[in-house]
C-alpha cells in the first residue's frame, strides 16, 4: 500500500454544548495541525499516488473556510459541536469530493482510503479514516 501525506494548520474559535465539555462550553481558541494521508494499492500513470502540489492546494482551500473563524457562526456548523473528531470527518468529506472531481490528478482515481488527522498539541490528536467507498455517518446536531 502506498501513502502520501500533506499537512497544513488552522486557528479557530468555537464552543461546545453539553456538560461533558466542562469549561470548553465557553468560546475558546484552538490551533490544529491538519494532516491528510492518501492511500492506494498502486500508483497512477505517472507513478504518482496523487499530485502532491494539488493535494496541498485543495487542503489549503478547505482550511481557508475554517481558518481564523469562529466555527459557531458558520452556517454549515449551526447546532453542531465542532469537536476535533467532527472536524476530521468534515475535512475528509471535502477531500473525498476533490478526489472524485479529479482535482488531485489522475493518480487520485486509485486512492482507496483517506485519513485526516488533526493535532491539537504534541500530546493529543484525533483522526477520521475511511475507505473511499464508505459513506460517512451524517453530520447532524443529533449525532
N, C-alpha and C. Protein backbone atom coordinates (compact mmCIF):
# COMPACT_ATOMS: atom_id res chain seq x y z
N UNK A 1 0.85 -1.18 0.00
CA UNK A 1 0.00 0.00 0.00
C UNK A 1 0.90 1.24 0.00
N UNK A 2 0.62 2.17 -0.88
CA UNK A 2 1.33 3.44 -0.94
C UNK A 2 0.57 4.47 -0.11
N UNK A 3 1.30 5.44 0.42
CA UNK A 3 0.63 6.54 1.10
C UNK A 3 1.39 7.83 0.82
N UNK A 4 0.65 8.91 0.85
CA UNK A 4 1.22 10.24 0.67
C UNK A 4 0.46 11.16 1.62
N UNK A 5 1.19 11.97 2.37
CA UNK A 5 0.58 12.86 3.35
C UNK A 5 0.95 14.31 3.07
N UNK A 6 -0.04 15.19 3.14
CA UNK A 6 0.20 16.63 3.10
C UNK A 6 -0.33 17.20 4.41
N UNK A 7 0.22 18.34 4.80
CA UNK A 7 -0.17 18.94 6.08
C UNK A 7 -0.25 20.45 5.96
N UNK A 8 -1.00 21.04 6.87
CA UNK A 8 -1.15 22.49 6.97
C UNK A 8 -1.65 22.76 8.39
N UNK A 9 -2.09 23.96 8.67
CA UNK A 9 -2.62 24.24 10.01
C UNK A 9 -3.71 25.29 9.93
N UNK A 10 -4.52 25.34 10.99
CA UNK A 10 -5.58 26.33 11.13
C UNK A 10 -5.66 26.81 12.57
N UNK A 11 -6.22 28.00 12.72
CA UNK A 11 -6.55 28.55 14.03
C UNK A 11 -8.03 28.90 14.01
N UNK A 12 -8.79 28.39 14.97
CA UNK A 12 -10.24 28.61 15.01
C UNK A 12 -10.66 28.98 16.43
N UNK A 13 -11.88 29.48 16.51
CA UNK A 13 -12.55 29.65 17.79
C UNK A 13 -13.83 28.84 17.71
N UNK A 14 -14.28 28.34 18.84
CA UNK A 14 -15.54 27.61 18.90
C UNK A 14 -15.90 27.35 20.36
N UNK A 15 -17.11 26.86 20.57
CA UNK A 15 -17.54 26.46 21.90
C UNK A 15 -18.35 25.17 21.74
N UNK A 16 -18.59 24.51 22.84
CA UNK A 16 -19.33 23.25 22.81
C UNK A 16 -20.56 23.33 23.69
N UNK A 17 -21.56 22.55 23.33
CA UNK A 17 -22.77 22.42 24.14
C UNK A 17 -22.71 21.07 24.86
N UNK A 18 -23.05 21.09 26.13
CA UNK A 18 -23.12 19.84 26.89
C UNK A 18 -22.17 19.81 28.07
N UNK A 19 -22.66 19.24 29.15
CA UNK A 19 -21.90 19.16 30.40
C UNK A 19 -20.56 18.44 30.24
N UNK A 20 -20.49 17.48 29.32
CA UNK A 20 -19.26 16.71 29.13
C UNK A 20 -18.08 17.59 28.75
N UNK A 21 -18.35 18.80 28.25
CA UNK A 21 -17.29 19.66 27.75
C UNK A 21 -16.74 20.62 28.80
N UNK A 22 -17.36 20.66 29.98
CA UNK A 22 -16.84 21.49 31.06
C UNK A 22 -16.57 22.91 30.61
N UNK A 23 -15.37 23.44 30.93
CA UNK A 23 -15.07 24.83 30.60
C UNK A 23 -15.02 25.10 29.09
N UNK A 24 -14.90 24.09 28.28
CA UNK A 24 -14.87 24.27 26.82
C UNK A 24 -16.24 24.66 26.27
N UNK A 25 -17.25 24.73 27.15
CA UNK A 25 -18.56 25.24 26.73
C UNK A 25 -18.46 26.74 26.43
N UNK A 26 -17.45 27.39 26.99
CA UNK A 26 -17.22 28.81 26.68
C UNK A 26 -16.43 28.90 25.37
N UNK A 27 -16.56 30.01 24.68
CA UNK A 27 -15.79 30.21 23.45
C UNK A 27 -14.30 30.18 23.78
N UNK A 28 -13.56 29.41 23.00
CA UNK A 28 -12.12 29.27 23.19
C UNK A 28 -11.46 29.07 21.83
N UNK A 29 -10.18 29.25 21.80
CA UNK A 29 -9.42 29.09 20.56
C UNK A 29 -8.77 27.73 20.50
N UNK A 30 -8.50 27.30 19.27
CA UNK A 30 -7.78 26.05 19.05
C UNK A 30 -6.91 26.20 17.80
N UNK A 31 -5.73 25.67 17.88
CA UNK A 31 -4.81 25.62 16.73
C UNK A 31 -4.61 24.16 16.40
N UNK A 32 -4.82 23.81 15.14
CA UNK A 32 -4.70 22.42 14.70
C UNK A 32 -3.67 22.30 13.59
N UNK A 33 -2.82 21.31 13.69
CA UNK A 33 -2.05 20.86 12.54
C UNK A 33 -2.93 19.81 11.87
N UNK A 34 -3.15 19.97 10.57
CA UNK A 34 -4.05 19.10 9.83
C UNK A 34 -3.23 18.26 8.85
N UNK A 35 -3.38 16.95 8.95
CA UNK A 35 -2.67 16.03 8.05
C UNK A 35 -3.70 15.23 7.26
N UNK A 36 -3.45 15.10 5.96
CA UNK A 36 -4.31 14.28 5.10
C UNK A 36 -3.42 13.21 4.46
N UNK A 37 -3.72 11.95 4.77
CA UNK A 37 -2.94 10.82 4.24
C UNK A 37 -3.79 10.05 3.23
N UNK A 38 -3.33 10.06 1.99
CA UNK A 38 -3.99 9.35 0.89
C UNK A 38 -3.31 7.99 0.73
N UNK A 39 -4.12 6.93 0.51
CA UNK A 39 -3.57 5.57 0.38
C UNK A 39 -4.12 4.91 -0.88
N UNK A 40 -3.25 4.14 -1.52
CA UNK A 40 -3.67 3.40 -2.72
C UNK A 40 -2.76 2.18 -2.89
N UNK A 41 -3.32 1.09 -3.45
CA UNK A 41 -2.52 -0.12 -3.66
C UNK A 41 -1.58 -0.01 -4.86
N UNK A 42 -1.82 1.00 -5.72
CA UNK A 42 -0.97 1.15 -6.90
C UNK A 42 -0.82 2.65 -7.20
N UNK A 43 0.18 2.96 -8.00
CA UNK A 43 0.42 4.34 -8.40
C UNK A 43 -0.32 4.64 -9.70
N UNK A 44 -0.53 5.91 -9.97
CA UNK A 44 -1.18 6.33 -11.20
C UNK A 44 -0.24 6.26 -12.38
N UNK A 45 -0.70 6.75 -13.52
CA UNK A 45 0.06 6.62 -14.77
C UNK A 45 1.45 7.25 -14.74
N UNK A 46 1.66 8.26 -13.92
CA UNK A 46 2.98 8.90 -13.84
C UNK A 46 3.77 8.45 -12.62
N UNK A 47 3.40 7.30 -12.06
CA UNK A 47 4.00 6.78 -10.83
C UNK A 47 3.80 7.73 -9.65
N UNK A 48 2.64 8.37 -9.63
CA UNK A 48 2.25 9.24 -8.52
C UNK A 48 1.01 8.66 -7.85
N UNK A 49 0.94 8.85 -6.55
CA UNK A 49 -0.29 8.47 -5.85
C UNK A 49 -1.33 9.56 -6.07
N UNK A 50 -1.00 10.78 -5.71
CA UNK A 50 -1.78 11.97 -6.06
C UNK A 50 -0.77 13.06 -6.38
N UNK A 51 -1.21 14.08 -7.04
CA UNK A 51 -0.36 15.25 -7.31
C UNK A 51 -0.18 15.98 -5.99
N UNK A 52 1.03 15.95 -5.45
CA UNK A 52 1.27 16.50 -4.11
C UNK A 52 0.99 18.00 -4.05
N UNK A 53 1.32 18.72 -5.11
CA UNK A 53 1.04 20.16 -5.13
C UNK A 53 -0.47 20.40 -5.14
N UNK A 54 -1.20 19.64 -5.93
CA UNK A 54 -2.65 19.78 -5.99
C UNK A 54 -3.27 19.41 -4.64
N UNK A 55 -2.75 18.39 -3.99
CA UNK A 55 -3.27 17.98 -2.67
C UNK A 55 -3.07 19.10 -1.66
N UNK A 56 -1.91 19.74 -1.69
CA UNK A 56 -1.66 20.85 -0.77
C UNK A 56 -2.60 22.02 -1.06
N UNK A 57 -2.82 22.32 -2.34
CA UNK A 57 -3.72 23.42 -2.72
C UNK A 57 -5.15 23.12 -2.25
N UNK A 58 -5.64 21.90 -2.51
CA UNK A 58 -7.01 21.55 -2.12
C UNK A 58 -7.18 21.57 -0.61
N UNK A 59 -6.19 21.04 0.12
CA UNK A 59 -6.28 21.08 1.58
C UNK A 59 -6.34 22.53 2.05
N UNK A 60 -5.49 23.39 1.49
CA UNK A 60 -5.49 24.80 1.90
C UNK A 60 -6.83 25.47 1.58
N UNK A 61 -7.42 25.17 0.42
CA UNK A 61 -8.72 25.74 0.07
C UNK A 61 -9.77 25.36 1.11
N UNK A 62 -9.76 24.10 1.50
CA UNK A 62 -10.71 23.63 2.52
C UNK A 62 -10.47 24.34 3.85
N UNK A 63 -9.21 24.44 4.23
CA UNK A 63 -8.88 25.05 5.52
C UNK A 63 -9.15 26.55 5.53
N UNK A 64 -9.05 27.20 4.37
CA UNK A 64 -9.34 28.63 4.31
C UNK A 64 -10.77 28.92 4.76
N UNK A 65 -11.68 27.98 4.57
CA UNK A 65 -13.06 28.17 5.01
C UNK A 65 -13.23 28.07 6.52
N UNK A 66 -12.21 27.59 7.21
CA UNK A 66 -12.25 27.43 8.67
C UNK A 66 -11.30 28.37 9.39
N UNK A 67 -10.16 28.62 8.80
CA UNK A 67 -9.07 29.36 9.42
C UNK A 67 -9.51 30.75 9.87
N UNK A 68 -9.15 31.09 11.10
CA UNK A 68 -9.45 32.40 11.69
C UNK A 68 -10.94 32.70 11.74
N UNK A 69 -11.76 31.67 11.87
CA UNK A 69 -13.21 31.84 12.01
C UNK A 69 -13.66 31.31 13.36
N UNK A 70 -14.76 31.87 13.84
CA UNK A 70 -15.47 31.29 14.97
C UNK A 70 -16.43 30.27 14.35
N UNK A 71 -16.16 29.00 14.53
CA UNK A 71 -16.94 27.94 13.88
C UNK A 71 -18.40 27.98 14.32
N UNK A 72 -18.67 28.53 15.50
CA UNK A 72 -20.06 28.64 15.98
C UNK A 72 -20.91 29.52 15.07
N UNK A 73 -20.28 30.41 14.31
CA UNK A 73 -21.02 31.35 13.48
C UNK A 73 -21.16 30.89 12.02
N UNK A 74 -20.54 29.79 11.66
CA UNK A 74 -20.62 29.32 10.27
C UNK A 74 -21.89 28.50 10.07
N UNK A 75 -22.67 28.81 9.03
CA UNK A 75 -23.97 28.15 8.83
C UNK A 75 -23.88 26.63 8.73
N UNK A 76 -22.81 26.10 8.13
CA UNK A 76 -22.71 24.64 7.96
C UNK A 76 -22.51 23.91 9.29
N UNK A 77 -22.19 24.64 10.36
CA UNK A 77 -21.98 24.02 11.66
C UNK A 77 -23.05 24.41 12.68
N UNK A 78 -24.12 25.05 12.24
CA UNK A 78 -25.18 25.50 13.15
C UNK A 78 -25.71 24.34 13.99
N UNK A 79 -25.68 24.50 15.29
CA UNK A 79 -26.21 23.48 16.19
C UNK A 79 -25.31 22.28 16.41
N UNK A 80 -24.09 22.30 15.87
CA UNK A 80 -23.19 21.15 15.98
C UNK A 80 -22.02 21.46 16.90
N UNK A 81 -21.56 20.45 17.62
CA UNK A 81 -20.32 20.55 18.37
C UNK A 81 -19.17 20.25 17.41
N UNK A 82 -18.35 21.26 17.15
CA UNK A 82 -17.25 21.09 16.20
C UNK A 82 -16.02 20.54 16.91
N UNK A 83 -16.18 19.33 17.43
CA UNK A 83 -15.07 18.66 18.12
C UNK A 83 -13.96 18.35 17.11
N UNK A 84 -12.81 18.02 17.61
CA UNK A 84 -11.69 17.65 16.75
C UNK A 84 -12.07 16.48 15.85
N UNK A 85 -12.74 15.48 16.43
CA UNK A 85 -13.15 14.31 15.65
C UNK A 85 -14.12 14.70 14.53
N UNK A 86 -15.07 15.57 14.87
CA UNK A 86 -16.05 16.04 13.89
C UNK A 86 -15.35 16.78 12.75
N UNK A 87 -14.41 17.66 13.09
CA UNK A 87 -13.70 18.41 12.05
C UNK A 87 -12.89 17.49 11.14
N UNK A 88 -12.34 16.41 11.69
CA UNK A 88 -11.63 15.42 10.87
C UNK A 88 -12.57 14.86 9.81
N UNK A 89 -13.76 14.48 10.21
CA UNK A 89 -14.72 13.90 9.27
C UNK A 89 -15.18 14.94 8.25
N UNK A 90 -15.38 16.16 8.67
CA UNK A 90 -15.79 17.24 7.75
C UNK A 90 -14.74 17.45 6.67
N UNK A 91 -13.49 17.58 7.06
CA UNK A 91 -12.39 17.80 6.10
C UNK A 91 -12.24 16.58 5.20
N UNK A 92 -12.38 15.39 5.77
CA UNK A 92 -12.31 14.14 4.99
C UNK A 92 -13.31 14.18 3.84
N UNK A 93 -14.56 14.52 4.14
CA UNK A 93 -15.60 14.55 3.11
C UNK A 93 -15.28 15.51 1.99
N UNK A 94 -14.71 16.66 2.32
CA UNK A 94 -14.37 17.65 1.29
C UNK A 94 -13.19 17.18 0.44
N UNK A 95 -12.23 16.49 1.06
CA UNK A 95 -11.11 15.95 0.29
C UNK A 95 -11.56 14.80 -0.62
N UNK A 96 -12.48 13.97 -0.16
CA UNK A 96 -13.02 12.90 -1.00
C UNK A 96 -13.70 13.51 -2.23
N UNK A 97 -14.43 14.59 -2.04
CA UNK A 97 -15.07 15.27 -3.18
C UNK A 97 -14.01 15.77 -4.16
N UNK A 98 -12.91 16.30 -3.67
CA UNK A 98 -11.83 16.77 -4.54
C UNK A 98 -11.22 15.61 -5.32
N UNK A 99 -11.05 14.47 -4.66
CA UNK A 99 -10.53 13.28 -5.35
C UNK A 99 -11.48 12.85 -6.46
N UNK A 100 -12.74 12.75 -6.13
CA UNK A 100 -13.74 12.29 -7.10
C UNK A 100 -13.88 13.24 -8.28
N UNK A 101 -13.66 14.53 -8.03
CA UNK A 101 -13.74 15.52 -9.10
C UNK A 101 -12.46 15.60 -9.93
N UNK A 102 -11.44 14.80 -9.57
CA UNK A 102 -10.19 14.78 -10.33
C UNK A 102 -9.24 15.92 -10.04
N UNK A 103 -9.48 16.66 -8.95
CA UNK A 103 -8.64 17.82 -8.65
C UNK A 103 -7.28 17.46 -8.06
N UNK A 104 -7.04 16.16 -7.79
CA UNK A 104 -5.74 15.74 -7.25
C UNK A 104 -4.95 14.93 -8.27
N UNK A 105 -5.31 15.03 -9.53
CA UNK A 105 -4.59 14.35 -10.59
C UNK A 105 -5.14 12.98 -10.88
N UNK A 106 -4.65 12.42 -11.99
CA UNK A 106 -5.13 11.12 -12.46
C UNK A 106 -4.89 10.01 -11.44
N UNK A 107 -3.79 10.08 -10.71
CA UNK A 107 -3.48 9.06 -9.71
C UNK A 107 -4.52 9.00 -8.61
N UNK A 108 -5.22 10.09 -8.39
CA UNK A 108 -6.23 10.13 -7.34
C UNK A 108 -7.36 9.14 -7.54
N UNK A 109 -7.56 8.70 -8.78
CA UNK A 109 -8.61 7.72 -9.04
C UNK A 109 -8.30 6.36 -8.42
N UNK A 110 -7.04 6.10 -8.11
CA UNK A 110 -6.65 4.83 -7.49
C UNK A 110 -6.68 4.87 -5.97
N UNK A 111 -6.90 6.05 -5.39
CA UNK A 111 -6.91 6.17 -3.93
C UNK A 111 -8.09 5.37 -3.37
N UNK A 112 -7.78 4.52 -2.42
CA UNK A 112 -8.80 3.66 -1.83
C UNK A 112 -9.16 4.04 -0.39
N UNK A 113 -8.30 4.83 0.25
CA UNK A 113 -8.57 5.24 1.63
C UNK A 113 -7.94 6.59 1.89
N UNK A 114 -8.53 7.29 2.84
CA UNK A 114 -8.05 8.62 3.22
C UNK A 114 -8.16 8.74 4.74
N UNK A 115 -7.11 9.25 5.33
CA UNK A 115 -7.10 9.50 6.78
C UNK A 115 -6.83 10.99 6.99
N UNK A 116 -7.68 11.63 7.78
CA UNK A 116 -7.47 13.03 8.15
C UNK A 116 -7.22 13.07 9.64
N UNK A 117 -6.11 13.69 10.02
CA UNK A 117 -5.70 13.75 11.42
C UNK A 117 -5.52 15.20 11.81
N UNK A 118 -6.08 15.59 12.94
CA UNK A 118 -5.90 16.93 13.49
C UNK A 118 -5.16 16.82 14.81
N UNK A 119 -4.03 17.50 14.89
CA UNK A 119 -3.23 17.53 16.12
C UNK A 119 -3.54 18.81 16.88
N UNK A 120 -4.05 18.63 18.10
CA UNK A 120 -4.33 19.79 18.97
C UNK A 120 -3.07 20.23 19.69
N UNK A 121 -2.19 19.28 19.94
CA UNK A 121 -0.93 19.54 20.63
C UNK A 121 -0.02 18.35 20.35
N UNK A 122 1.24 18.44 20.76
CA UNK A 122 2.11 17.25 20.59
C UNK A 122 1.63 16.05 21.40
N UNK A 123 0.68 16.26 22.32
CA UNK A 123 0.22 15.19 23.21
C UNK A 123 -1.18 14.70 22.92
N UNK A 124 -1.93 15.37 22.02
CA UNK A 124 -3.32 14.98 21.78
C UNK A 124 -3.71 15.24 20.33
N UNK A 125 -4.38 14.24 19.72
CA UNK A 125 -4.86 14.38 18.36
C UNK A 125 -6.00 13.41 18.12
N UNK A 126 -6.72 13.65 17.04
CA UNK A 126 -7.83 12.78 16.65
C UNK A 126 -7.75 12.59 15.14
N UNK A 127 -8.42 11.53 14.65
CA UNK A 127 -8.39 11.25 13.22
C UNK A 127 -9.71 10.64 12.78
N UNK A 128 -9.97 10.77 11.49
CA UNK A 128 -11.07 10.07 10.84
C UNK A 128 -10.50 9.41 9.61
N UNK A 129 -10.75 8.11 9.49
CA UNK A 129 -10.22 7.33 8.37
C UNK A 129 -11.34 6.46 7.82
N UNK A 130 -11.42 6.39 6.49
CA UNK A 130 -12.44 5.55 5.86
C UNK A 130 -12.00 5.19 4.46
N UNK A 131 -12.41 3.99 4.02
CA UNK A 131 -12.21 3.67 2.61
C UNK A 131 -13.08 4.60 1.78
N UNK A 132 -12.65 4.92 0.57
CA UNK A 132 -13.41 5.87 -0.23
C UNK A 132 -14.78 5.38 -0.61
N UNK A 133 -15.02 4.09 -0.63
CA UNK A 133 -16.34 3.57 -0.95
C UNK A 133 -17.33 3.70 0.19
N UNK A 134 -16.83 3.97 1.40
CA UNK A 134 -17.71 4.03 2.58
C UNK A 134 -18.32 5.42 2.71
N UNK A 135 -19.59 5.46 2.98
CA UNK A 135 -20.27 6.74 3.22
C UNK A 135 -20.18 7.06 4.70
N UNK A 136 -19.70 8.26 5.06
CA UNK A 136 -19.62 8.60 6.48
C UNK A 136 -21.01 8.82 7.06
N UNK A 137 -21.09 8.69 8.37
CA UNK A 137 -22.35 8.96 9.05
C UNK A 137 -22.74 10.42 8.82
N UNK A 138 -24.01 10.73 8.77
CA UNK A 138 -24.42 12.11 8.54
C UNK A 138 -23.97 13.03 9.66
N UNK A 139 -23.64 14.27 9.31
CA UNK A 139 -23.21 15.26 10.28
C UNK A 139 -24.44 16.04 10.69
N UNK A 140 -24.99 15.71 11.86
CA UNK A 140 -26.22 16.36 12.31
C UNK A 140 -26.06 16.78 13.76
N UNK A 141 -26.96 17.63 14.19
CA UNK A 141 -26.94 18.08 15.58
C UNK A 141 -27.24 16.93 16.54
N UNK A 142 -27.94 15.90 16.06
CA UNK A 142 -28.28 14.76 16.92
C UNK A 142 -27.13 13.78 17.06
N UNK A 143 -26.18 13.81 16.13
CA UNK A 143 -25.07 12.83 16.13
C UNK A 143 -24.11 13.07 17.25
